[in-house]
């Protein structure tokens, strides 16, 4: 079994998107309005412009999302 301690730790902001799935090699505008989404984009711009875009499991969630509310697969995007 491989020792996972040699793997790098990455801190990439997460942007949940509603009613949209982003696929690799596509260009599209990101329209965000929620405060946490704007903050995620700002954190990405402060570093290297990478952000992880993930769809929520349900579009009906109006409260703040946690990791259990998001799909396990997303798209790493450059903004």
PDB file of N, CA and C in Angstrom:
ATOM      1  N   UNK A   1       0.837  -1.180   0.000  1.00  0.00           N
ATOM      2  CA  UNK A   1       0.000   0.000   0.000  1.00  0.00           C
ATOM      3  C   UNK A   1       0.884   1.246   0.000  1.00  0.00           C
ATOM      4  N   UNK A   2       0.540   2.216  -0.822  1.00  0.00           N
ATOM      5  CA  UNK A   2       1.317   3.438  -0.951  1.00  0.00           C
ATOM      6  C   UNK A   2       1.069   4.363   0.231  1.00  0.00           C
ATOM      7  N   UNK A   3       2.131   5.008   0.687  1.00  0.00           N
ATOM      8  CA  UNK A   3       2.032   5.970   1.780  1.00  0.00           C
ATOM      9  C   UNK A   3       1.509   7.291   1.220  1.00  0.00           C
ATOM     10  N   UNK A   4       0.320   7.718   1.655  1.00  0.00           N
ATOM     11  CA  UNK A   4      -0.294   8.950   1.147  1.00  0.00           C
ATOM     12  C   UNK A   4       0.320  10.220   1.718  1.00  0.00           C
ATOM     13  N   UNK A   5       1.256  10.103   2.648  1.00  0.00           N
ATOM     14  CA  UNK A   5       1.846  11.299   3.242  1.00  0.00           C
ATOM     15  C   UNK A   5       2.702  12.066   2.237  1.00  0.00           C
ATOM     16  N   UNK A   6       3.083  11.441   1.115  1.00  0.00           N
ATOM     17  CA  UNK A   6       3.890  12.121   0.113  1.00  0.00           C
ATOM     18  C   UNK A   6       3.042  12.924  -0.877  1.00  0.00           C
ATOM     19  N   UNK A   7       1.726  12.778  -0.829  1.00  0.00           N
ATOM     20  CA  UNK A   7       0.854  13.513  -1.743  1.00  0.00           C
ATOM     21  C   UNK A   7       0.730  14.965  -1.297  1.00  0.00           C
ATOM     22  N   UNK A   8       0.711  15.897  -2.248  1.00  0.00           N
ATOM     23  CA  UNK A   8       0.590  17.309  -1.867  1.00  0.00           C
ATOM     24  C   UNK A   8      -0.807  17.619  -1.343  1.00  0.00           C
ATOM     25  N   UNK A   9      -0.876  18.581  -0.459  1.00  0.00           N
ATOM     26  CA  UNK A   9      -2.160  19.067   0.035  1.00  0.00           C
ATOM     27  C   UNK A   9      -2.514  20.316  -0.756  1.00  0.00           C
ATOM     28  N   UNK A  10      -3.658  20.302  -1.397  1.00  0.00           N
ATOM     29  CA  UNK A  10      -4.094  21.435  -2.205  1.00  0.00           C
ATOM     30  C   UNK A  10      -5.284  22.110  -1.540  1.00  0.00           C
ATOM     31  N   UNK A  11      -5.288  23.407  -1.563  1.00  0.00           N
ATOM     32  CA  UNK A  11      -6.413  24.175  -1.051  1.00  0.00           C
ATOM     33  C   UNK A  11      -6.993  24.957  -2.222  1.00  0.00           C
ATOM     34  N   UNK A  12      -8.052  24.427  -2.791  1.00  0.00           N
ATOM     35  CA  UNK A  12      -8.690  25.037  -3.954  1.00  0.00           C
ATOM     36  C   UNK A  12     -10.101  25.446  -3.561  1.00  0.00           C
ATOM     37  N   UNK A  13     -10.480  26.698  -3.811  1.00  0.00           N
ATOM     38  CA  UNK A  13     -11.843  27.120  -3.501  1.00  0.00           C
ATOM     39  C   UNK A  13     -12.866  26.304  -4.288  1.00  0.00           C
ATOM     40  N   UNK A  14     -14.006  26.066  -3.671  1.00  0.00           N
ATOM     41  CA  UNK A  14     -15.084  25.285  -4.290  1.00  0.00           C
ATOM     42  C   UNK A  14     -16.242  26.207  -4.618  1.00  0.00           C
ATOM     43  N   UNK A  15     -16.742  26.082  -5.837  1.00  0.00           N
ATOM     44  CA  UNK A  15     -17.885  26.873  -6.288  1.00  0.00           C
ATOM     45  C   UNK A  15     -19.028  25.936  -6.645  1.00  0.00           C
ATOM     46  N   UNK A  16     -20.053  25.840  -5.797  1.00  0.00           N
ATOM     47  CA  UNK A  16     -21.226  25.045  -6.165  1.00  0.00           C
ATOM     48  C   UNK A  16     -22.017  25.787  -7.243  1.00  0.00           C
ATOM     49  N   UNK A  17     -22.446  25.076  -8.250  1.00  0.00           N
ATOM     50  CA  UNK A  17     -23.247  25.698  -9.312  1.00  0.00           C
ATOM     51  C   UNK A  17     -24.616  25.036  -9.351  1.00  0.00           C
ATOM     52  N   UNK A  18     -25.634  25.839  -9.486  1.00  0.00           N
ATOM     53  CA  UNK A  18     -27.001  25.330  -9.559  1.00  0.00           C
ATOM     54  C   UNK A  18     -27.461  25.360 -11.014  1.00  0.00           C
ATOM     55  N   UNK A  19     -28.211  24.336 -11.413  1.00  0.00           N
ATOM     56  CA  UNK A  19     -28.793  24.249 -12.756  1.00  0.00           C
ATOM     57  C   UNK A  19     -27.756  24.293 -13.867  1.00  0.00           C
ATOM     58  N   UNK A  20     -26.531  23.849 -13.562  1.00  0.00           N
ATOM     59  CA  UNK A  20     -25.491  23.902 -14.583  1.00  0.00           C
ATOM     60  C   UNK A  20     -24.402  22.897 -14.208  1.00  0.00           C
ATOM     61  N   UNK A  21     -23.905  22.189 -15.188  1.00  0.00           N
ATOM     62  CA  UNK A  21     -22.748  21.317 -15.011  1.00  0.00           C
ATOM     63  C   UNK A  21     -21.679  21.823 -15.965  1.00  0.00           C
ATOM     64  N   UNK A  22     -20.490  22.023 -15.456  1.00  0.00           N
ATOM     65  CA  UNK A  22     -19.384  22.530 -16.267  1.00  0.00           C
ATOM     66  C   UNK A  22     -18.505  21.348 -16.672  1.00  0.00           C
ATOM     67  N   UNK A  23     -18.252  21.235 -17.960  1.00  0.00           N
ATOM     68  CA  UNK A  23     -17.423  20.168 -18.491  1.00  0.00           C
ATOM     69  C   UNK A  23     -16.042  20.706 -18.855  1.00  0.00           C
ATOM     70  N   UNK A  24     -15.027  19.840 -18.850  1.00  0.00           N
ATOM     71  CA  UNK A  24     -13.684  20.277 -19.255  1.00  0.00           C
ATOM     72  C   UNK A  24     -13.672  20.826 -20.678  1.00  0.00           C
ATOM     73  N   UNK A  25     -12.735  21.700 -20.935  1.00  0.00           N
ATOM     74  CA  UNK A  25     -12.513  22.299 -22.256  1.00  0.00           C
ATOM     75  C   UNK A  25     -13.698  23.113 -22.757  1.00  0.00           C
ATOM     76  N   UNK A  26     -14.447  23.710 -21.857  1.00  0.00           N
ATOM     77  CA  UNK A  26     -15.529  24.620 -22.243  1.00  0.00           C
ATOM     78  C   UNK A  26     -15.262  25.986 -21.647  1.00  0.00           C
ATOM     79  N   UNK A  27     -15.755  26.994 -22.304  1.00  0.00           N
ATOM     80  CA  UNK A  27     -15.656  28.363 -21.820  1.00  0.00           C
ATOM     81  C   UNK A  27     -17.059  28.893 -21.635  1.00  0.00           C
ATOM     82  N   UNK A  28     -17.321  29.422 -20.454  1.00  0.00           N
ATOM     83  CA  UNK A  28     -18.639  29.992 -20.210  1.00  0.00           C
ATOM     84  C   UNK A  28     -18.565  30.996 -19.080  1.00  0.00           C
ATOM     85  N   UNK A  29     -19.503  31.937 -19.057  1.00  0.00           N
ATOM     86  CA  UNK A  29     -19.497  32.926 -17.977  1.00  0.00           C
ATOM     87  C   UNK A  29     -20.016  32.303 -16.677  1.00  0.00           C
ATOM     88  N   UNK A  30     -19.454  32.749 -15.578  1.00  0.00           N
ATOM     89  CA  UNK A  30     -19.932  32.324 -14.265  1.00  0.00           C
ATOM     90  C   UNK A  30     -20.716  33.472 -13.656  1.00  0.00           C
ATOM     91  N   UNK A  31     -21.995  33.267 -13.477  1.00  0.00           N
ATOM     92  CA  UNK A  31     -22.846  34.276 -12.866  1.00  0.00           C
ATOM     93  C   UNK A  31     -23.090  33.854 -11.426  1.00  0.00           C
ATOM     94  N   UNK A  32     -22.501  34.586 -10.497  1.00  0.00           N
ATOM     95  CA  UNK A  32     -22.631  34.237  -9.086  1.00  0.00           C
ATOM     96  C   UNK A  32     -23.265  35.400  -8.343  1.00  0.00           C
ATOM     97  N   UNK A  33     -24.025  35.073  -7.313  1.00  0.00           N
ATOM     98  CA  UNK A  33     -24.667  36.101  -6.524  1.00  0.00           C
ATOM     99  C   UNK A  33     -24.557  35.850  -5.031  1.00  0.00           C
ATOM    100  N   UNK A  34     -24.428  34.582  -4.657  1.00  0.00           N
ATOM    101  CA  UNK A  34     -24.324  34.262  -3.238  1.00  0.00           C
ATOM    102  C   UNK A  34     -22.980  34.728  -2.701  1.00  0.00           C
ATOM    103  N   UNK A  35     -22.990  35.214  -1.483  1.00  0.00           N
ATOM    104  CA  UNK A  35     -21.787  35.749  -0.866  1.00  0.00           C
ATOM    105  C   UNK A  35     -20.663  34.718  -0.835  1.00  0.00           C
ATOM    106  N   UNK A  36     -20.978  33.472  -0.489  1.00  0.00           N
ATOM    107  CA  UNK A  36     -19.928  32.443  -0.410  1.00  0.00           C
ATOM    108  C   UNK A  36     -19.349  32.143  -1.792  1.00  0.00           C
ATOM    109  N   UNK A  37     -20.145  32.250  -2.841  1.00  0.00           N
ATOM    110  CA  UNK A  37     -19.649  32.016  -4.200  1.00  0.00           C
ATOM    111  C   UNK A  37     -18.719  33.141  -4.637  1.00  0.00           C
ATOM    112  N   UNK A  38     -19.093  34.368  -4.328  1.00  0.00           N
ATOM    113  CA  UNK A  38     -18.243  35.520  -4.651  1.00  0.00           C
ATOM    114  C   UNK A  38     -16.919  35.405  -3.896  1.00  0.00           C
ATOM    115  N   UNK A  39     -16.977  35.009  -2.631  1.00  0.00           N
ATOM    116  CA  UNK A  39     -15.760  34.845  -1.834  1.00  0.00           C
ATOM    117  C   UNK A  39     -14.867  33.746  -2.404  1.00  0.00           C
ATOM    118  N   UNK A  40     -15.460  32.647  -2.886  1.00  0.00           N
ATOM    119  CA  UNK A  40     -14.671  31.573  -3.488  1.00  0.00           C
ATOM    120  C   UNK A  40     -13.949  32.073  -4.739  1.00  0.00           C
ATOM    121  N   UNK A  41     -14.631  32.840  -5.562  1.00  0.00           N
ATOM    122  CA  UNK A  41     -14.005  33.396  -6.758  1.00  0.00           C
ATOM    123  C   UNK A  41     -12.893  34.373  -6.392  1.00  0.00           C
ATOM    124  N   UNK A  42     -13.107  35.174  -5.374  1.00  0.00           N
ATOM    125  CA  UNK A  42     -12.081  36.129  -4.936  1.00  0.00           C
ATOM    126  C   UNK A  42     -10.849  35.391  -4.403  1.00  0.00           C
ATOM    127  N   UNK A  43     -11.056  34.301  -3.643  1.00  0.00           N
ATOM    128  CA  UNK A  43      -9.920  33.518  -3.139  1.00  0.00           C
ATOM    129  C   UNK A  43      -9.146  32.898  -4.296  1.00  0.00           C
ATOM    130  N   UNK A  44      -9.850  32.429  -5.304  1.00  0.00           N
ATOM    131  CA  UNK A  44      -9.177  31.846  -6.470  1.00  0.00           C
ATOM    132  C   UNK A  44      -8.348  32.910  -7.193  1.00  0.00           C
ATOM    133  N   UNK A  45      -8.879  34.101  -7.337  1.00  0.00           N
ATOM    134  CA  UNK A  45      -8.164  35.168  -8.022  1.00  0.00           C
ATOM    135  C   UNK A  45      -6.951  35.645  -7.226  1.00  0.00           C
ATOM    136  N   UNK A  46      -7.007  35.546  -5.908  1.00  0.00           N
ATOM    137  CA  UNK A  46      -5.878  35.960  -5.068  1.00  0.00           C
ATOM    138  C   UNK A  46      -4.697  35.008  -5.208  1.00  0.00           C
ATOM    139  N   UNK A  47      -4.986  33.755  -5.554  1.00  0.00           N
ATOM    140  CA  UNK A  47      -3.914  32.765  -5.666  1.00  0.00           C
ATOM    141  C   UNK A  47      -3.540  32.548  -7.121  1.00  0.00           C
ATOM    142  N   UNK A  48      -4.063  31.510  -7.725  1.00  0.00           N
ATOM    143  CA  UNK A  48      -3.630  31.131  -9.066  1.00  0.00           C
ATOM    144  C   UNK A  48      -4.778  30.962 -10.057  1.00  0.00           C
ATOM    145  N   UNK A  49      -5.957  31.424  -9.696  1.00  0.00           N
ATOM    146  CA  UNK A  49      -7.148  31.397 -10.552  1.00  0.00           C
ATOM    147  C   UNK A  49      -7.757  30.027 -10.766  1.00  0.00           C
ATOM    148  N   UNK A  50      -7.372  29.030  -9.963  1.00  0.00           N
ATOM    149  CA  UNK A  50      -7.990  27.708 -10.052  1.00  0.00           C
ATOM    150  C   UNK A  50      -9.147  27.617  -9.082  1.00  0.00           C
ATOM    151  N   UNK A  51     -10.237  26.996  -9.529  1.00  0.00           N
ATOM    152  CA  UNK A  51     -11.416  26.806  -8.683  1.00  0.00           C
ATOM    153  C   UNK A  51     -12.045  25.451  -9.043  1.00  0.00           C
ATOM    154  N   UNK A  52     -12.621  24.809  -8.068  1.00  0.00           N
ATOM    155  CA  UNK A  52     -13.297  23.533  -8.303  1.00  0.00           C
ATOM    156  C   UNK A  52     -14.791  23.807  -8.396  1.00  0.00           C
ATOM    157  N   UNK A  53     -15.378  23.473  -9.530  1.00  0.00           N
ATOM    158  CA  UNK A  53     -16.807  23.697  -9.758  1.00  0.00           C
ATOM    159  C   UNK A  53     -17.526  22.372  -9.573  1.00  0.00           C
ATOM    160  N   UNK A  54     -18.485  22.354  -8.645  1.00  0.00           N
ATOM    161  CA  UNK A  54     -19.187  21.125  -8.284  1.00  0.00           C
ATOM    162  C   UNK A  54     -20.688  21.403  -8.234  1.00  0.00           C
ATOM    163  N   UNK A  55     -21.463  20.465  -8.732  1.00  0.00           N
ATOM    164  CA  UNK A  55     -22.918  20.592  -8.685  1.00  0.00           C
ATOM    165  C   UNK A  55     -23.436  20.067  -7.349  1.00  0.00           C
ATOM    166  N   UNK A  56     -24.430  20.755  -6.771  1.00  0.00           N
ATOM    167  CA  UNK A  56     -25.057  20.215  -5.560  1.00  0.00           C
ATOM    168  C   UNK A  56     -25.924  19.007  -5.904  1.00  0.00           C
ATOM    169  N   UNK A  57     -26.128  18.150  -4.936  1.00  0.00           N
ATOM    170  CA  UNK A  57     -26.955  16.961  -5.161  1.00  0.00           C
ATOM    171  C   UNK A  57     -28.417  17.340  -5.364  1.00  0.00           C
ATOM    172  N   UNK A  58     -28.843  18.453  -4.774  1.00  0.00           N
ATOM    173  CA  UNK A  58     -30.230  18.903  -4.912  1.00  0.00           C
ATOM    174  C   UNK A  58     -30.247  20.399  -5.176  1.00  0.00           C
ATOM    175  N   UNK A  59     -31.067  20.817  -6.124  1.00  0.00           N
ATOM    176  CA  UNK A  59     -31.212  22.250  -6.402  1.00  0.00           C
ATOM    177  C   UNK A  59     -32.149  22.928  -5.404  1.00  0.00           C
ATOM    178  N   UNK A  60     -32.768  22.149  -4.562  1.00  0.00           N
ATOM    179  CA  UNK A  60     -33.755  22.691  -3.627  1.00  0.00           C
ATOM    180  C   UNK A  60     -33.144  23.197  -2.329  1.00  0.00           C
ATOM    181  N   UNK A  61     -31.849  22.999  -2.117  1.00  0.00           N
ATOM    182  CA  UNK A  61     -31.206  23.441  -0.893  1.00  0.00           C
ATOM    183  C   UNK A  61     -30.983  24.939  -0.962  1.00  0.00           C
ATOM    184  N   UNK A  62     -31.611  25.683  -0.067  1.00  0.00           N
ATOM    185  CA  UNK A  62     -31.461  27.133  -0.034  1.00  0.00           C
ATOM    186  C   UNK A  62     -30.447  27.598   0.992  1.00  0.00           C
ATOM    187  N   UNK A  63     -30.135  26.751   1.948  1.00  0.00           N
ATOM    188  CA  UNK A  63     -29.192  27.143   2.991  1.00  0.00           C
ATOM    189  C   UNK A  63     -27.759  26.951   2.506  1.00  0.00           C
ATOM    190  N   UNK A  64     -26.814  27.288   3.363  1.00  0.00           N
ATOM    191  CA  UNK A  64     -25.410  27.086   3.015  1.00  0.00           C
ATOM    192  C   UNK A  64     -25.142  25.603   2.805  1.00  0.00           C
ATOM    193  N   UNK A  65     -24.400  25.302   1.783  1.00  0.00           N
ATOM    194  CA  UNK A  65     -24.109  23.920   1.439  1.00  0.00           C
ATOM    195  C   UNK A  65     -22.888  23.435   2.202  1.00  0.00           C
ATOM    196  N   UNK A  66     -22.892  22.173   2.571  1.00  0.00           N
ATOM    197  CA  UNK A  66     -21.713  21.547   3.155  1.00  0.00           C
ATOM    198  C   UNK A  66     -21.207  20.505   2.164  1.00  0.00           C
ATOM    199  N   UNK A  67     -20.085  19.892   2.471  1.00  0.00           N
ATOM    200  CA  UNK A  67     -19.504  18.918   1.544  1.00  0.00           C
ATOM    201  C   UNK A  67     -20.439  17.742   1.286  1.00  0.00           C
ATOM    202  N   UNK A  68     -21.275  17.370   2.259  1.00  0.00           N
ATOM    203  CA  UNK A  68     -22.203  16.248   2.058  1.00  0.00           C
ATOM    204  C   UNK A  68     -23.326  16.600   1.081  1.00  0.00           C
ATOM    205  N   UNK A  69     -23.537  17.887   0.820  1.00  0.00           N
ATOM    206  CA  UNK A  69     -24.568  18.336  -0.112  1.00  0.00           C
ATOM    207  C   UNK A  69     -24.076  18.386  -1.564  1.00  0.00           C
ATOM    208  N   UNK A  70     -22.772  18.126  -1.778  1.00  0.00           N
ATOM    209  CA  UNK A  70     -22.177  18.261  -3.107  1.00  0.00           C
ATOM    210  C   UNK A  70     -21.828  16.898  -3.691  1.00  0.00           C
ATOM    211  N   UNK A  71     -21.858  16.812  -5.021  1.00  0.00           N
ATOM    212  CA  UNK A  71     -21.414  15.598  -5.693  1.00  0.00           C
ATOM    213  C   UNK A  71     -19.909  15.410  -5.458  1.00  0.00           C
ATOM    214  N   UNK A  72     -19.452  14.188  -5.556  1.00  0.00           N
ATOM    215  CA  UNK A  72     -18.042  13.885  -5.310  1.00  0.00           C
ATOM    216  C   UNK A  72     -17.136  14.217  -6.485  1.00  0.00           C
ATOM    217  N   UNK A  73     -17.711  14.441  -7.668  1.00  0.00           N
ATOM    218  CA  UNK A  73     -16.931  14.738  -8.859  1.00  0.00           C
ATOM    219  C   UNK A  73     -17.280  16.138  -9.357  1.00  0.00           C
ATOM    220  N   UNK A  74     -16.261  16.893  -9.691  1.00  0.00           N
ATOM    221  CA  UNK A  74     -16.469  18.224 -10.210  1.00  0.00           C
ATOM    222  C   UNK A  74     -15.481  18.496 -11.332  1.00  0.00           C
ATOM    223  N   UNK A  75     -15.364  19.762 -11.697  1.00  0.00           N
ATOM    224  CA  UNK A  75     -14.439  20.167 -12.762  1.00  0.00           C
ATOM    225  C   UNK A  75     -13.484  21.206 -12.208  1.00  0.00           C
ATOM    226  N   UNK A  76     -12.196  20.962 -12.360  1.00  0.00           N
ATOM    227  CA  UNK A  76     -11.190  21.934 -11.982  1.00  0.00           C
ATOM    228  C   UNK A  76     -11.110  22.953 -13.109  1.00  0.00           C
ATOM    229  N   UNK A  77     -11.311  24.215 -12.774  1.00  0.00           N
ATOM    230  CA  UNK A  77     -11.414  25.241 -13.797  1.00  0.00           C
ATOM    231  C   UNK A  77     -10.438  26.391 -13.522  1.00  0.00           C
ATOM    232  N   UNK A  78     -10.010  27.009 -14.578  1.00  0.00           N
ATOM    233  CA  UNK A  78      -9.155  28.190 -14.504  1.00  0.00           C
ATOM    234  C   UNK A  78     -10.024  29.384 -14.828  1.00  0.00           C
ATOM    235  N   UNK A  79     -10.034  30.388 -13.943  1.00  0.00           N
ATOM    236  CA  UNK A  79     -10.858  31.574 -14.189  1.00  0.00           C
ATOM    237  C   UNK A  79      -9.991  32.741 -14.586  1.00  0.00           C
TER     238      UNK A  79
END
